Amino acid sequence: MENVIQKKRMGGFAKAMLVTSSRANAIKYKKAFDEYLHKINSPYKAVVAFSGEIDGQTEASLNGFSSNSIPTEFEKNEYRFCWLPINFKLVLTNRFYIRCM
């Protein structure tokens, strides 16, 4: 990952969707990834997308903005990573994201 973030590959505009095996793992990896980004003083942020609530945690509580704002927020330059469970489909069509359940 350092090769992409620190060396600014793809013109410095790369974004990634990272798929996990479950909603719980999406939360776990998002939190660990946030810690890693903080540790390396990265200007970039990650979002997590999933449906419902896991142990009292929601997209809004983890991301700091509402679920409906994910497409708009993810377009911003600082958001480069989106964690989501494999059974949750977030389809990218041009600049819009559509939830498909």
Protein backbone atom coordinates (compact mmCIF):
# COMPACT_ATOMS: atom_id res chain seq x y z
CA MET A 1 0.00 0.00 0.00
CA GLU A 2 2.86 2.38 0.66
CA ASN A 3 3.72 2.13 -3.03
CA VAL A 4 0.33 3.53 -3.94
CA ILE A 5 -0.19 6.11 -1.19
CA GLN A 6 3.30 7.50 -0.65
CA LYS A 7 4.48 7.37 -4.25
CA LYS A 8 1.18 8.77 -5.56
CA ARG A 9 0.62 6.14 -8.21
CA MET A 10 -2.15 6.65 -10.79
CA GLY A 11 -1.62 10.39 -10.73
CA GLY A 12 -2.51 10.55 -7.05
CA PHE A 13 -6.21 9.94 -7.74
CA ALA A 14 -6.63 6.20 -7.13
CA LYS A 15 -9.61 4.96 -5.11
CA ALA A 16 -10.28 1.45 -3.91
CA MET A 17 -13.26 -0.63 -2.87
CA LEU A 18 -12.16 -3.35 -0.46
CA VAL A 19 -14.52 -6.30 -0.11
CA THR A 20 -14.72 -8.34 3.10
CA SER A 21 -16.46 -11.62 3.96
CA SER A 22 -18.95 -10.03 6.39
CA ARG A 23 -20.32 -6.78 7.78
CA ALA A 24 -18.44 -7.39 11.04
CA ASN A 25 -15.18 -7.78 9.14
CA ALA A 26 -15.86 -4.60 7.14
CA ILE A 27 -16.11 -2.73 10.44
CA LYS A 28 -13.04 -4.43 11.91
CA TYR A 29 -10.88 -3.71 8.86
CA LYS A 30 -12.13 -0.14 8.52
CA LYS A 31 -11.13 0.60 12.12
CA ALA A 32 -7.71 -1.03 11.69
CA PHE A 33 -7.21 0.82 8.41
CA ASP A 34 -8.13 4.14 10.06
CA GLU A 35 -5.46 3.47 12.70
CA TYR A 36 -2.92 2.66 10.01
CA LEU A 37 -3.70 5.81 8.00
CA HIS A 38 -3.35 7.86 11.19
CA LYS A 39 -0.06 6.14 12.06
CA ILE A 40 1.51 7.01 8.71
CA ASN A 41 0.06 10.54 8.81
CA SER A 42 -1.88 9.95 5.62
CA PRO A 43 -4.19 12.72 4.45
CA TYR A 44 -6.60 10.08 3.15
CA LYS A 45 -9.65 8.54 4.80
CA ALA A 46 -11.74 5.40 4.46
CA VAL A 47 -15.49 4.87 4.55
CA VAL A 48 -17.45 1.73 5.31
CA ALA A 49 -20.70 0.72 3.63
CA PHE A 50 -23.09 -1.90 4.99
CA SER A 51 -26.73 -2.25 5.86
CA GLY A 52 -28.22 -2.25 9.32
CA GLU A 53 -26.40 -2.15 12.62
CA ILE A 54 -23.62 -4.32 14.05
CA ASP A 55 -23.08 -4.21 17.82
CA GLY A 56 -24.59 -0.75 17.98
CA GLN A 57 -22.42 0.56 15.14
CA THR A 58 -23.81 2.02 11.94
CA GLU A 59 -22.32 3.55 8.82
CA ALA A 60 -23.11 6.99 10.21
CA SER A 61 -21.39 6.34 13.53
CA LEU A 62 -18.27 4.96 11.86
CA ASN A 63 -18.03 7.40 8.95
CA GLY A 64 -19.20 10.56 10.67
CA PHE A 65 -21.91 11.24 8.07
CA SER A 66 -25.20 9.67 7.02
CA SER A 67 -25.52 6.61 4.80
CA ASN A 68 -27.14 8.73 2.12
CA SER A 69 -24.04 10.94 2.03
CA ILE A 70 -21.60 8.14 1.17
CA PRO A 71 -21.67 8.77 -2.61
CA THR A 72 -21.10 12.49 -2.20
CA GLU A 73 -18.44 12.11 0.49
CA PHE A 74 -16.58 9.38 -1.41
CA GLU A 75 -16.24 11.74 -4.38
CA LYS A 76 -14.14 14.04 -2.20
CA ASN A 77 -10.39 13.78 -2.66
CA GLU A 78 -9.60 12.73 0.93
CA TYR A 79 -11.78 9.60 0.75
CA ARG A 80 -9.79 6.97 -1.10
CA PHE A 81 -10.94 3.66 0.39
CA CYS A 82 -14.37 2.08 0.79
CA TRP A 83 -14.79 -1.11 2.85
CA LEU A 84 -17.87 -3.22 2.21
CA PRO A 85 -19.04 -6.80 2.81
CA ILE A 86 -19.24 -9.15 -0.16
CA ASN A 87 -23.04 -9.42 0.02
CA PHE A 88 -23.38 -5.62 -0.15
CA LYS A 89 -23.16 -4.26 -3.63
CA LEU A 90 -22.29 -0.65 -4.24
CA VAL A 91 -22.44 -0.12 -7.98
CA LEU A 92 -20.47 2.74 -9.47
CA THR A 93 -22.16 4.38 -12.43
CA ASN A 94 -20.20 7.40 -13.55
CA ARG A 95 -20.14 9.51 -10.38
CA PHE A 96 -23.09 7.92 -8.60
CA TYR A 97 -23.28 4.92 -6.33
CA ILE A 98 -26.36 2.72 -6.20
CA ARG A 99 -27.08 0.27 -3.40
CA CYS A 100 -28.20 -3.08 -4.68
CA MET A 101 -29.44 -5.50 -2.06
